[in-house]
Amino acid sequence: MARLAWRLFAALPADEQRSFLAGLPLRELLEATPLWQRLGRWTMLTRVRTWLKGKKTYLTAAAGALGALDAWADGQLDGLALLAALWAAAQAAFLRAGIAKRSEAPT
């Protein structure tokens, strides 16, 4: 429905678009609309992306370590394979920390 309304609005000449927008009670519409609808989904995605910035590698390493521990507890991995998987997860985290520290250092 919204796409159809936008297409109809976009098809109007520019002067009719301006007169249509001038006649809208925008303040009343904004006050009647809940905040989460006014912010929209793109703002929420931007917040998630901002929060995830610099944490994705650590989250992936933690998920890999938990998966290795789960497989070891289930008997699918022996102790040596568990240590190898945990070391790989730790290496990913250490590498990410080293890259972050290197990019912050003055040149």
Protein backbone atom coordinates (compact mmCIF):
# COMPACT_ATOMS: atom_id res chain seq x y z
CA MET A 1 0.00 0.00 0.00
CA ALA A 2 2.81 2.40 0.85
CA ARG A 3 4.56 1.73 -2.47
CA LEU A 4 1.40 2.51 -4.37
CA ALA A 5 0.91 5.74 -2.42
CA TRP A 6 4.53 6.73 -3.08
CA ARG A 7 4.18 6.00 -6.80
CA LEU A 8 1.03 8.10 -6.98
CA PHE A 9 2.75 10.93 -5.11
CA ALA A 10 5.84 10.70 -7.31
CA ALA A 11 3.67 10.86 -10.42
CA LEU A 12 2.27 14.25 -9.40
CA PRO A 13 3.81 17.41 -10.86
CA ALA A 14 6.21 19.25 -8.54
CA ASP A 15 3.82 22.13 -7.73
CA GLU A 16 1.06 19.69 -6.78
CA GLN A 17 3.50 17.75 -4.60
CA ARG A 18 4.41 20.95 -2.75
CA SER A 19 0.79 21.95 -2.24
CA PHE A 20 -0.04 18.43 -1.05
CA LEU A 21 2.80 18.45 1.47
CA ALA A 22 1.91 21.97 2.64
CA GLY A 23 -1.59 20.82 3.49
CA LEU A 24 -0.48 17.83 5.60
CA PRO A 25 -0.75 18.07 9.38
CA LEU A 26 2.82 16.81 9.87
CA ARG A 27 3.08 17.75 13.55
CA GLU A 28 -0.06 15.79 14.38
CA LEU A 29 1.12 12.82 12.31
CA LEU A 30 4.51 12.75 14.04
CA GLU A 31 2.99 13.03 17.50
CA ALA A 32 0.53 10.23 16.74
CA THR A 33 3.23 7.91 15.41
CA PRO A 34 5.10 5.84 18.02
CA LEU A 35 8.82 6.50 18.38
CA TRP A 36 9.88 3.06 17.13
CA GLN A 37 7.98 3.65 13.90
CA ARG A 38 9.51 7.10 13.44
CA LEU A 39 13.02 5.76 13.92
CA GLY A 40 12.49 3.01 11.37
CA ARG A 41 14.29 -0.22 10.77
CA TRP A 42 17.37 1.35 9.14
CA THR A 43 18.18 3.29 12.28
CA MET A 44 17.99 0.07 14.29
CA LEU A 45 20.29 -1.69 11.83
CA THR A 46 22.72 1.19 12.06
CA ARG A 47 22.73 0.85 15.85
CA VAL A 48 23.39 -2.89 15.59
CA ARG A 49 26.20 -2.35 13.08
CA THR A 50 27.75 0.29 15.31
CA TRP A 51 27.54 -2.00 18.33
CA LEU A 52 29.06 -4.91 16.38
CA LYS A 53 31.96 -2.82 15.07
CA GLY A 54 35.15 -4.36 16.44
CA LYS A 55 33.32 -7.23 18.15
CA LYS A 56 32.52 -9.58 15.29
CA THR A 57 35.84 -11.44 15.42
CA TYR A 58 35.63 -11.87 19.18
CA LEU A 59 32.05 -13.15 18.93
CA THR A 60 33.09 -15.60 16.22
CA ALA A 61 36.05 -16.80 18.28
CA ALA A 62 33.81 -17.28 21.32
CA ALA A 63 31.29 -19.21 19.24
CA GLY A 64 34.07 -21.44 17.89
CA ALA A 65 35.41 -22.07 21.40
CA LEU A 66 31.92 -22.92 22.68
CA GLY A 67 31.37 -25.22 19.73
CA ALA A 68 34.65 -26.99 20.41
CA LEU A 69 33.80 -27.38 24.09
CA ASP A 70 30.39 -28.75 23.16
CA ALA A 71 31.90 -31.26 20.72
CA TRP A 72 34.45 -32.31 23.37
CA ALA A 73 31.73 -32.76 25.99
CA ASP A 74 29.72 -34.83 23.50
CA GLY A 75 32.74 -37.04 22.81
CA GLN A 76 33.25 -36.00 19.20
CA LEU A 77 36.63 -34.38 19.92
CA ASP A 78 39.53 -35.68 21.96
CA GLY A 79 41.59 -33.47 24.24
CA LEU A 80 44.24 -32.59 21.67
CA ALA A 81 41.65 -31.53 19.07
CA LEU A 82 39.92 -29.44 21.75
CA LEU A 83 43.18 -27.66 22.54
CA ALA A 84 43.81 -27.06 18.83
CA ALA A 85 40.34 -25.56 18.35
CA LEU A 86 40.66 -23.38 21.44
CA TRP A 87 44.10 -22.22 20.29
CA ALA A 88 42.69 -21.32 16.86
CA ALA A 89 39.90 -19.29 18.48
CA ALA A 90 42.43 -17.55 20.74
CA GLN A 91 44.68 -16.78 17.76
CA ALA A 92 41.79 -15.12 15.95
CA ALA A 93 41.05 -12.95 18.98
CA PHE A 94 44.74 -12.07 19.51
CA LEU A 95 45.19 -11.25 15.84
CA ARG A 96 42.17 -8.96 15.89
CA ALA A 97 43.43 -7.22 19.02
CA GLY A 98 46.86 -6.77 17.43
CA ILE A 99 45.38 -5.26 14.28
CA ALA A 100 43.20 -2.90 16.32
CA LYS A 101 46.16 -1.81 18.44
CA ARG A 102 48.36 -1.37 15.37
CA SER A 103 45.79 0.83 13.60
CA GLU A 104 45.46 3.06 16.69
CA ALA A 105 49.22 3.50 17.13
CA PRO A 106 50.73 6.71 15.78
CA THR A 107 52.89 6.32 12.71
